[in-house]
Amino acid sequence: MPRNNMKPTNMNSDRIRGGLTLGLIASVISFSSAQSFPTVQLKNMAGEVVSTDDLVGDGNPTLICFWATWCSPCKRELNNYAELYEDWQEETGVKIVAVSIDDQRSIRRVAPYVNSVLWDYEILLDPNKDFARAMQVVNVPHTFLVNGEGNIVWQHNNYSDGDEEEVYEQLLKWSE
């Protein structure tokens, strides 16, 4: 008698079970990518509490950009967006919100940096990374586009010079 008593039907049922498991995982992943916008309390640079609910859903798109002072690509991204922001606002009504994930050790560098570059968008502080976790941000820069109804419709991780063209295309697509 062969040592392997496994019947072909058992192998097939294992394959089916494995396929169903992968299908379930894929469903969960695609469902989670359509997640609703999370509600978290953050502070702005003046120390005022801001609810993330108040950032979106006003009929215009919102670009949420997670960044940190120690992240060179983050600063390049937001500096390049700053040069285009006024035009983007006129054409699409977009609002940019830059969310710093600097922790308690580096958070004191946020205000001096922002003041030196004169960004014209809202800056929020997420030192405990509560909002970043809720948005499933693993590394920065990580940018989300939220449509006027408050749904996350696009996201981009990392930054290379020229990525702002893709952001602009997405803004045009979702502002119509």
N, C-alpha and C. Protein backbone atom coordinates (compact mmCIF):
# COMPACT_ATOMS: atom_id res chain seq x y z
N MET A 1 0.85 -1.18 0.00
CA MET A 1 0.00 0.00 0.00
C MET A 1 0.89 1.24 0.00
N PRO A 2 0.56 2.25 -0.85
CA PRO A 2 1.40 3.45 -0.91
C PRO A 2 1.36 4.21 0.41
N ARG A 3 2.47 4.85 0.72
CA ARG A 3 2.57 5.59 1.98
C ARG A 3 1.64 6.81 1.98
N ASN A 4 1.41 7.38 0.82
CA ASN A 4 0.55 8.54 0.74
C ASN A 4 -0.88 8.06 0.50
N ASN A 5 -1.71 8.11 1.54
CA ASN A 5 -3.09 7.66 1.44
C ASN A 5 -4.02 8.76 0.96
N MET A 6 -3.49 9.88 0.55
CA MET A 6 -4.31 11.00 0.13
C MET A 6 -5.00 10.69 -1.18
N LYS A 7 -6.28 10.83 -1.22
CA LYS A 7 -7.05 10.56 -2.41
C LYS A 7 -7.06 11.79 -3.30
N PRO A 8 -7.16 11.61 -4.61
CA PRO A 8 -7.22 12.76 -5.51
C PRO A 8 -8.35 13.72 -5.16
N THR A 9 -9.47 13.20 -4.68
CA THR A 9 -10.57 14.11 -4.33
C THR A 9 -10.19 15.01 -3.17
N ASN A 10 -9.38 14.50 -2.22
CA ASN A 10 -8.92 15.36 -1.12
C ASN A 10 -8.03 16.47 -1.64
N MET A 11 -7.18 16.13 -2.60
CA MET A 11 -6.29 17.14 -3.18
C MET A 11 -7.12 18.20 -3.89
N ASN A 12 -8.15 17.75 -4.61
CA ASN A 12 -9.00 18.72 -5.30
C ASN A 12 -9.74 19.60 -4.30
N SER A 13 -10.25 19.00 -3.22
CA SER A 13 -10.97 19.82 -2.24
C SER A 13 -10.02 20.79 -1.55
N ASP A 14 -8.77 20.37 -1.33
CA ASP A 14 -7.78 21.29 -0.76
C ASP A 14 -7.52 22.46 -1.71
N ARG A 15 -7.44 22.15 -3.00
CA ARG A 15 -7.24 23.22 -3.99
C ARG A 15 -8.44 24.16 -4.02
N ILE A 16 -9.63 23.59 -3.94
CA ILE A 16 -10.83 24.43 -3.94
C ILE A 16 -10.85 25.31 -2.70
N ARG A 17 -10.57 24.70 -1.53
CA ARG A 17 -10.52 25.47 -0.29
C ARG A 17 -9.48 26.58 -0.38
N GLY A 18 -8.31 26.25 -0.93
CA GLY A 18 -7.26 27.25 -1.09
C GLY A 18 -7.70 28.37 -2.02
N GLY A 19 -8.37 28.00 -3.11
CA GLY A 19 -8.88 29.00 -4.04
C GLY A 19 -9.93 29.88 -3.40
N LEU A 20 -10.80 29.27 -2.59
CA LEU A 20 -11.81 30.06 -1.89
C LEU A 20 -11.17 31.00 -0.89
N THR A 21 -10.14 30.51 -0.21
CA THR A 21 -9.43 31.36 0.76
C THR A 21 -8.79 32.55 0.04
N LEU A 22 -8.12 32.29 -1.09
CA LEU A 22 -7.51 33.39 -1.84
C LEU A 22 -8.57 34.35 -2.34
N GLY A 23 -9.69 33.81 -2.78
CA GLY A 23 -10.79 34.66 -3.23
C GLY A 23 -11.32 35.54 -2.11
N LEU A 24 -11.45 34.98 -0.92
CA LEU A 24 -11.90 35.76 0.23
C LEU A 24 -10.90 36.85 0.57
N ILE A 25 -9.62 36.51 0.56
CA ILE A 25 -8.57 37.50 0.85
C ILE A 25 -8.63 38.62 -0.18
N ALA A 26 -8.77 38.27 -1.46
CA ALA A 26 -8.86 39.29 -2.51
C ALA A 26 -10.08 40.18 -2.29
N SER A 27 -11.19 39.58 -1.88
CA SER A 27 -12.40 40.37 -1.62
C SER A 27 -12.18 41.34 -0.48
N VAL A 28 -11.53 40.86 0.59
CA VAL A 28 -11.27 41.73 1.74
C VAL A 28 -10.35 42.86 1.34
N ILE A 29 -9.30 42.55 0.56
CA ILE A 29 -8.36 43.59 0.13
C ILE A 29 -9.07 44.62 -0.73
N SER A 30 -9.88 44.18 -1.70
CA SER A 30 -10.55 45.14 -2.57
C SER A 30 -11.60 45.92 -1.79
N PHE A 31 -12.26 45.30 -0.81
CA PHE A 31 -13.23 46.01 0.01
C PHE A 31 -12.53 47.06 0.85
N SER A 32 -11.37 46.70 1.42
CA SER A 32 -10.67 47.66 2.27
C SER A 32 -10.13 48.83 1.47
N SER A 33 -9.87 48.64 0.17
CA SER A 33 -9.38 49.76 -0.63
C SER A 33 -10.49 50.76 -0.90
N ALA A 34 -11.74 50.34 -0.70
CA ALA A 34 -12.87 51.24 -0.88
C ALA A 34 -13.35 51.76 0.47
N GLN A 35 -12.43 51.80 1.43
CA GLN A 35 -12.78 52.20 2.79
C GLN A 35 -13.33 53.62 2.83
N SER A 36 -14.17 53.86 3.81
CA SER A 36 -14.67 55.21 4.01
C SER A 36 -13.58 56.03 4.69
N PHE A 37 -13.76 57.32 4.63
CA PHE A 37 -12.78 58.23 5.21
C PHE A 37 -12.88 58.19 6.73
N PRO A 38 -11.79 57.89 7.43
CA PRO A 38 -11.84 57.74 8.89
C PRO A 38 -11.97 59.07 9.62
N THR A 39 -12.56 59.00 10.80
CA THR A 39 -12.69 60.17 11.66
C THR A 39 -11.66 60.09 12.77
N VAL A 40 -10.76 61.07 12.79
CA VAL A 40 -9.70 61.14 13.80
C VAL A 40 -9.58 62.60 14.21
N GLN A 41 -9.25 62.82 15.47
CA GLN A 41 -9.01 64.18 15.97
C GLN A 41 -7.51 64.47 15.89
N LEU A 42 -7.15 65.54 15.18
CA LEU A 42 -5.76 65.96 15.06
C LEU A 42 -5.65 67.40 15.54
N LYS A 43 -4.44 67.91 15.58
CA LYS A 43 -4.24 69.32 15.91
C LYS A 43 -3.59 70.01 14.73
N ASN A 44 -3.94 71.29 14.56
CA ASN A 44 -3.24 72.09 13.56
C ASN A 44 -2.03 72.74 14.22
N MET A 45 -1.31 73.55 13.50
CA MET A 45 -0.07 74.12 14.05
C MET A 45 -0.35 75.14 15.15
N ALA A 46 -1.58 75.64 15.24
CA ALA A 46 -1.94 76.58 16.31
C ALA A 46 -2.39 75.82 17.56
N GLY A 47 -2.41 74.48 17.49
CA GLY A 47 -2.81 73.68 18.64
C GLY A 47 -4.31 73.43 18.74
N GLU A 48 -5.07 73.88 17.74
CA GLU A 48 -6.52 73.68 17.74
C GLU A 48 -6.85 72.28 17.25
N VAL A 49 -7.88 71.68 17.85
CA VAL A 49 -8.31 70.33 17.45
C VAL A 49 -9.11 70.42 16.16
N VAL A 50 -8.78 69.54 15.23
CA VAL A 50 -9.46 69.47 13.94
C VAL A 50 -9.91 68.04 13.73
N SER A 51 -11.17 67.86 13.37
CA SER A 51 -11.67 66.52 13.05
C SER A 51 -11.45 66.27 11.57
N THR A 52 -10.99 65.09 11.24
CA THR A 52 -10.76 64.78 9.84
C THR A 52 -12.06 64.80 9.04
N ASP A 53 -13.20 64.63 9.71
CA ASP A 53 -14.51 64.75 9.05
C ASP A 53 -14.66 66.10 8.37
N ASP A 54 -14.11 67.13 9.00
CA ASP A 54 -14.27 68.49 8.49
C ASP A 54 -13.38 68.77 7.27
N LEU A 55 -12.51 67.85 6.91
CA LEU A 55 -11.57 68.08 5.81
C LEU A 55 -12.18 67.76 4.45
N VAL A 56 -13.19 66.90 4.41
CA VAL A 56 -13.69 66.37 3.14
C VAL A 56 -15.21 66.49 3.05
N GLY A 57 -15.72 66.22 1.84
CA GLY A 57 -17.15 66.13 1.63
C GLY A 57 -17.84 67.46 1.40
N ASP A 58 -17.08 68.49 0.99
CA ASP A 58 -17.69 69.80 0.76
C ASP A 58 -18.01 70.02 -0.72
N GLY A 59 -17.98 68.94 -1.50
CA GLY A 59 -18.27 69.05 -2.94
C GLY A 59 -17.04 69.21 -3.80
N ASN A 60 -15.89 69.49 -3.19
CA ASN A 60 -14.64 69.65 -3.93
C ASN A 60 -13.65 68.57 -3.51
N PRO A 61 -12.72 68.23 -4.40
CA PRO A 61 -11.72 67.21 -4.04
C PRO A 61 -10.75 67.72 -2.99
N THR A 62 -10.23 66.78 -2.21
CA THR A 62 -9.22 67.09 -1.19
C THR A 62 -8.04 66.15 -1.38
N LEU A 63 -6.86 66.72 -1.38
CA LEU A 63 -5.63 65.93 -1.45
C LEU A 63 -5.06 65.87 -0.04
N ILE A 64 -4.96 64.65 0.51
CA ILE A 64 -4.40 64.45 1.85
C ILE A 64 -2.99 63.90 1.65
N CYS A 65 -1.98 64.64 2.09
CA CYS A 65 -0.59 64.26 1.87
C CYS A 65 0.08 63.99 3.22
N PHE A 66 0.45 62.74 3.46
CA PHE A 66 1.19 62.39 4.67
C PHE A 66 2.67 62.63 4.40
N TRP A 67 3.35 63.28 5.34
CA TRP A 67 4.74 63.66 5.16
C TRP A 67 5.43 63.75 6.52
N ALA A 68 6.74 64.00 6.49
CA ALA A 68 7.52 64.23 7.71
C ALA A 68 8.70 65.14 7.38
N THR A 69 9.18 65.86 8.37
CA THR A 69 10.29 66.79 8.14
C THR A 69 11.58 66.07 7.76
N TRP A 70 11.73 64.81 8.18
CA TRP A 70 12.95 64.04 7.89
C TRP A 70 12.87 63.35 6.52
N CYS A 71 11.78 63.54 5.79
CA CYS A 71 11.54 62.85 4.52
C CYS A 71 11.77 63.79 3.34
N SER A 72 12.91 63.67 2.67
CA SER A 72 13.23 64.55 1.54
C SER A 72 12.21 64.43 0.39
N PRO A 73 11.81 63.23 -0.02
CA PRO A 73 10.80 63.15 -1.09
C PRO A 73 9.47 63.82 -0.70
N CYS A 74 9.12 63.74 0.57
CA CYS A 74 7.89 64.38 1.05
C CYS A 74 7.97 65.89 0.83
N LYS A 75 9.08 66.47 1.23
CA LYS A 75 9.24 67.92 1.13
C LYS A 75 9.29 68.36 -0.33
N ARG A 76 9.96 67.57 -1.18
CA ARG A 76 9.98 67.88 -2.62
C ARG A 76 8.57 67.85 -3.20
N GLU A 77 7.81 66.81 -2.84
CA GLU A 77 6.44 66.67 -3.33
C GLU A 77 5.61 67.90 -2.94
N LEU A 78 5.60 68.22 -1.66
CA LEU A 78 4.76 69.32 -1.19
C LEU A 78 5.24 70.68 -1.70
N ASN A 79 6.55 70.84 -1.87
CA ASN A 79 7.06 72.09 -2.45
C ASN A 79 6.64 72.22 -3.90
N ASN A 80 6.67 71.12 -4.66
CA ASN A 80 6.22 71.16 -6.05
C ASN A 80 4.72 71.41 -6.14
N TYR A 81 3.94 70.79 -5.25
CA TYR A 81 2.50 71.05 -5.22
C TYR A 81 2.22 72.52 -4.91
N ALA A 82 3.04 73.11 -4.03
CA ALA A 82 2.84 74.51 -3.64
C ALA A 82 2.94 75.44 -4.85
N GLU A 83 3.84 75.12 -5.77
CA GLU A 83 3.99 75.95 -6.97
C GLU A 83 2.77 75.87 -7.88
N LEU A 84 2.05 74.77 -7.83
CA LEU A 84 0.90 74.54 -8.71
C LEU A 84 -0.44 74.77 -8.01
N TYR A 85 -0.43 74.92 -6.72
CA TYR A 85 -1.65 74.89 -5.91
C TYR A 85 -2.69 75.92 -6.35
N GLU A 86 -2.27 77.15 -6.56
CA GLU A 86 -3.22 78.20 -6.94
C GLU A 86 -3.94 77.85 -8.24
N ASP A 87 -3.20 77.39 -9.24
CA ASP A 87 -3.82 76.98 -10.51
C ASP A 87 -4.75 75.79 -10.32
N TRP A 88 -4.29 74.81 -9.53
CA TRP A 88 -5.13 73.64 -9.26
C TRP A 88 -6.42 74.04 -8.58
N GLN A 89 -6.34 74.97 -7.63
CA GLN A 89 -7.55 75.42 -6.93
C GLN A 89 -8.54 76.06 -7.90
N GLU A 90 -8.02 76.93 -8.77
CA GLU A 90 -8.89 77.61 -9.74
C GLU A 90 -9.56 76.61 -10.67
N GLU A 91 -8.81 75.61 -11.12
CA GLU A 91 -9.34 74.66 -12.11
C GLU A 91 -10.20 73.56 -11.50
N THR A 92 -9.88 73.13 -10.28
CA THR A 92 -10.55 71.94 -9.73
C THR A 92 -11.22 72.16 -8.39
N GLY A 93 -10.92 73.27 -7.72
CA GLY A 93 -11.46 73.52 -6.39
C GLY A 93 -10.79 72.70 -5.31
N VAL A 94 -9.67 72.06 -5.62
CA VAL A 94 -8.99 71.18 -4.66
C VAL A 94 -8.50 71.92 -3.43
N LYS A 95 -8.51 71.20 -2.33
CA LYS A 95 -7.91 71.67 -1.09
C LYS A 95 -6.82 70.66 -0.75
N ILE A 96 -5.63 71.14 -0.40
CA ILE A 96 -4.54 70.26 0.02
C ILE A 96 -4.39 70.35 1.53
N VAL A 97 -4.28 69.18 2.14
CA VAL A 97 -4.04 69.09 3.58
C VAL A 97 -2.78 68.25 3.77
N ALA A 98 -1.76 68.84 4.37
CA ALA A 98 -0.50 68.14 4.62
C ALA A 98 -0.50 67.65 6.07
N VAL A 99 -0.41 66.35 6.26
CA VAL A 99 -0.48 65.74 7.59
C VAL A 99 0.92 65.25 7.98
N SER A 100 1.52 65.92 8.95
CA SER A 100 2.85 65.53 9.41
C SER A 100 2.75 64.34 10.36
N ILE A 101 3.59 63.34 10.12
CA ILE A 101 3.66 62.20 11.04
C ILE A 101 4.90 62.29 11.92
N ASP A 102 5.50 63.47 11.99
CA ASP A 102 6.65 63.65 12.89
C ASP A 102 6.22 63.28 14.30
N ASP A 103 7.07 62.53 14.98
CA ASP A 103 6.74 62.09 16.34
C ASP A 103 7.12 63.17 17.35
N GLN A 104 6.98 62.84 18.62
CA GLN A 104 7.23 63.83 19.69
C GLN A 104 8.66 64.38 19.66
N ARG A 105 9.61 63.60 19.15
CA ARG A 105 11.00 64.08 19.12
C ARG A 105 11.24 65.09 18.00
N SER A 106 10.52 64.95 16.88
CA SER A 106 10.80 65.83 15.74
C SER A 106 9.67 66.80 15.41
N ILE A 107 8.58 66.75 16.14
CA ILE A 107 7.42 67.60 15.82
C ILE A 107 7.75 69.09 15.93
N ARG A 108 8.71 69.44 16.77
CA ARG A 108 9.06 70.86 16.93
C ARG A 108 9.72 71.43 15.66
N ARG A 109 10.10 70.58 14.71
CA ARG A 109 10.70 71.05 13.45
C ARG A 109 9.65 71.39 12.40
N VAL A 110 8.40 70.99 12.62
CA VAL A 110 7.36 71.17 11.60
C VAL A 110 7.09 72.65 11.34
N ALA A 111 6.74 73.42 12.36
CA ALA A 111 6.40 74.83 12.17
C ALA A 111 7.53 75.64 11.53
N PRO A 112 8.78 75.53 12.02
CA PRO A 112 9.84 76.29 11.36
C PRO A 112 10.00 75.93 9.88
N TYR A 113 9.88 74.64 9.56
CA TYR A 113 10.02 74.25 8.15
C TYR A 113 8.87 74.81 7.32
N VAL A 114 7.65 74.61 7.78
CA VAL A 114 6.48 75.08 7.03
C VAL A 114 6.53 76.60 6.86
N ASN A 115 6.91 77.31 7.91
CA ASN A 115 7.01 78.77 7.82
C ASN A 115 8.10 79.20 6.84
N SER A 116 9.14 78.41 6.70
CA SER A 116 10.23 78.79 5.79
C SER A 116 9.84 78.56 4.32
N VAL A 117 8.93 77.64 4.05
CA VAL A 117 8.55 77.37 2.66
C VAL A 117 7.22 78.01 2.28
N LEU A 118 6.51 78.54 3.26
CA LEU A 118 5.27 79.28 3.01
C LEU A 118 4.21 78.48 2.25
N TRP A 119 3.98 77.24 2.68
CA TRP A 119 2.90 76.45 2.06
C TRP A 119 1.58 77.12 2.36
N ASP A 120 0.73 77.15 1.36
CA ASP A 120 -0.57 77.81 1.49
C ASP A 120 -1.69 76.79 1.75
N TYR A 121 -1.35 75.68 2.38
CA TYR A 121 -2.39 74.72 2.68
C TYR A 121 -2.40 74.37 4.16
N GLU A 122 -3.48 73.70 4.56
CA GLU A 122 -3.65 73.35 5.96
C GLU A 122 -2.62 72.30 6.36
N ILE A 123 -2.00 72.51 7.52
CA ILE A 123 -1.01 71.58 8.06
C ILE A 123 -1.60 70.99 9.35
N LEU A 124 -1.65 69.67 9.40
CA LEU A 124 -2.13 68.99 10.59
C LEU A 124 -1.03 68.10 11.15
N LEU A 125 -1.10 67.85 12.45
CA LEU A 125 -0.07 67.06 13.13
C LEU A 125 -0.66 65.74 13.60
N ASP A 126 0.03 64.66 13.29
CA ASP A 126 -0.40 63.31 13.66
C ASP A 126 0.77 62.58 14.33
N PRO A 127 1.24 63.11 15.50
CA PRO A 127 2.46 62.56 16.12
C PRO A 127 2.32 61.12 16.60
N ASN A 128 1.12 60.68 16.92
CA ASN A 128 0.92 59.29 17.34
C ASN A 128 0.53 58.38 16.18
N LYS A 129 0.44 58.97 14.99
CA LYS A 129 0.12 58.25 13.75
C LYS A 129 -1.26 57.58 13.78
N ASP A 130 -2.20 58.14 14.54
CA ASP A 130 -3.56 57.59 14.59
C ASP A 130 -4.24 57.69 13.23
N PHE A 131 -4.16 58.85 12.60
CA PHE A 131 -4.78 59.06 11.28
C PHE A 131 -4.04 58.23 10.23
N ALA A 132 -2.71 58.23 10.30
CA ALA A 132 -1.91 57.44 9.35
C ALA A 132 -2.30 55.95 9.43
N ARG A 133 -2.44 55.44 10.64
CA ARG A 133 -2.85 54.04 10.82
C ARG A 133 -4.25 53.80 10.25
N ALA A 134 -5.16 54.72 10.53
CA ALA A 134 -6.53 54.58 10.05
C ALA A 134 -6.59 54.60 8.52
N MET A 135 -5.66 55.30 7.89
CA MET A 135 -5.59 55.38 6.43
C MET A 135 -4.66 54.31 5.85
N GLN A 136 -4.12 53.46 6.70
CA GLN A 136 -3.22 52.37 6.32
C GLN A 136 -1.95 52.88 5.62
N VAL A 137 -1.43 53.99 6.14
CA VAL A 137 -0.17 54.55 5.64
C VAL A 137 0.97 53.79 6.30
N VAL A 138 1.83 53.22 5.47
CA VAL A 138 2.98 52.47 5.98
C VAL A 138 4.24 53.33 5.92
N ASN A 139 4.41 54.05 4.82
CA ASN A 139 5.57 54.93 4.70
C ASN A 139 5.14 56.21 3.99
N VAL A 140 5.99 57.21 4.09
CA VAL A 140 5.70 58.51 3.49
C VAL A 140 6.74 58.80 2.41
N PRO A 141 6.39 59.62 1.43
CA PRO A 141 5.10 60.30 1.28
C PRO A 141 4.00 59.35 0.80
N HIS A 142 2.81 59.62 1.25
CA HIS A 142 1.63 58.86 0.84
C HIS A 142 0.51 59.87 0.65
N THR A 143 -0.03 59.91 -0.55
CA THR A 143 -1.03 60.91 -0.91
C THR A 143 -2.34 60.24 -1.28
N PHE A 144 -3.44 60.80 -0.78
CA PHE A 144 -4.78 60.31 -1.07
C PHE A 144 -5.59 61.42 -1.72
N LEU A 145 -6.39 61.04 -2.71
CA LEU A 145 -7.35 61.98 -3.29
C LEU A 145 -8.73 61.54 -2.82
N VAL A 146 -9.42 62.47 -2.18
CA VAL A 146 -10.77 62.23 -1.68
C VAL A 146 -11.71 63.09 -2.52
N ASN A 147 -12.73 62.46 -3.10
CA ASN A 147 -13.64 63.23 -3.95
C ASN A 147 -14.55 64.13 -3.11
N GLY A 148 -15.37 64.91 -3.78
CA GLY A 148 -16.23 65.88 -3.10
C GLY A 148 -17.27 65.27 -2.18
N GLU A 149 -17.53 63.97 -2.34
CA GLU A 149 -18.49 63.28 -1.48
C GLU A 149 -17.80 62.64 -0.27
N GLY A 150 -16.49 62.72 -0.20
CA GLY A 150 -15.77 62.17 0.94
C GLY A 150 -15.28 60.74 0.75
N ASN A 151 -15.22 60.26 -0.50
CA ASN A 151 -14.73 58.91 -0.78
C ASN A 151 -13.29 58.95 -1.29
N ILE A 152 -12.47 58.06 -0.77
CA ILE A 152 -11.09 57.95 -1.25
C ILE A 152 -11.14 57.31 -2.63
N VAL A 153 -10.68 58.05 -3.64
CA VAL A 153 -10.80 57.57 -5.02
C VAL A 153 -9.46 57.25 -5.67
N TRP A 154 -8.37 57.67 -5.03
CA TRP A 154 -7.05 57.44 -5.63
C TRP A 154 -6.01 57.63 -4.53
N GLN A 155 -4.91 56.89 -4.65
CA GLN A 155 -3.80 57.10 -3.72
C GLN A 155 -2.49 56.81 -4.42
N HIS A 156 -1.46 57.41 -3.89
CA HIS A 156 -0.13 57.26 -4.47
C HIS A 156 0.89 57.22 -3.34
N ASN A 157 1.80 56.27 -3.42
CA ASN A 157 2.83 56.12 -2.41
C ASN A 157 4.17 56.45 -3.03
N ASN A 158 4.99 57.21 -2.31
CA ASN A 158 6.31 57.64 -2.77
C ASN A 158 6.18 58.89 -3.63
N TYR A 159 7.31 59.41 -4.08
CA TYR A 159 7.28 60.59 -4.94
C TYR A 159 8.52 60.62 -5.82
N SER A 160 8.30 60.92 -7.08
CA SER A 160 9.37 61.21 -8.03
C SER A 160 8.99 62.50 -8.73
N ASP A 161 9.99 63.30 -9.08
CA ASP A 161 9.70 64.54 -9.80
C ASP A 161 8.85 64.20 -11.03
N GLY A 162 7.80 64.97 -11.22
CA GLY A 162 6.88 64.72 -12.33
C GLY A 162 5.60 64.03 -11.92
N ASP A 163 5.56 63.45 -10.71
CA ASP A 163 4.34 62.78 -10.24
C ASP A 163 3.17 63.75 -10.13
N GLU A 164 3.46 65.03 -10.02
CA GLU A 164 2.38 66.00 -9.90
C GLU A 164 1.50 66.03 -11.16
N GLU A 165 2.05 65.59 -12.30
CA GLU A 165 1.24 65.52 -13.53
C GLU A 165 0.14 64.47 -13.38
N GLU A 166 0.47 63.33 -12.78
CA GLU A 166 -0.53 62.30 -12.53
C GLU A 166 -1.57 62.79 -11.53
N VAL A 167 -1.12 63.51 -10.51
CA VAL A 167 -2.05 64.07 -9.53
C VAL A 167 -3.01 65.03 -10.21
N TYR A 168 -2.47 65.87 -11.08
CA TYR A 168 -3.30 66.84 -11.80
C TYR A 168 -4.35 66.14 -12.66
N GLU A 169 -3.94 65.08 -13.36
CA GLU A 169 -4.90 64.32 -14.18
C GLU A 169 -6.02 63.74 -13.31
N GLN A 170 -5.65 63.22 -12.15
CA GLN A 170 -6.65 62.66 -11.24
C GLN A 170 -7.58 63.77 -10.71
N LEU A 171 -7.01 64.93 -10.42
CA LEU A 171 -7.82 66.05 -9.94
C LEU A 171 -8.85 66.46 -11.00
N LEU A 172 -8.40 66.53 -12.25
CA LEU A 172 -9.33 66.89 -13.32
C LEU A 172 -10.43 65.83 -13.46
N LYS A 173 -10.02 64.59 -13.37
CA LYS A 173 -10.99 63.48 -13.52
C LYS A 173 -12.05 63.53 -12.43
N TRP A 174 -11.65 63.78 -11.19
CA TRP A 174 -12.58 63.69 -10.06
C TRP A 174 -13.23 65.02 -9.69
N SER A 175 -12.87 66.10 -10.37
CA SER A 175 -13.50 67.39 -10.05
C SER A 175 -14.65 67.70 -11.00
N GLU A 176 -14.85 66.86 -12.00
CA GLU A 176 -15.92 67.12 -12.98
C GLU A 176 -17.28 66.77 -12.44
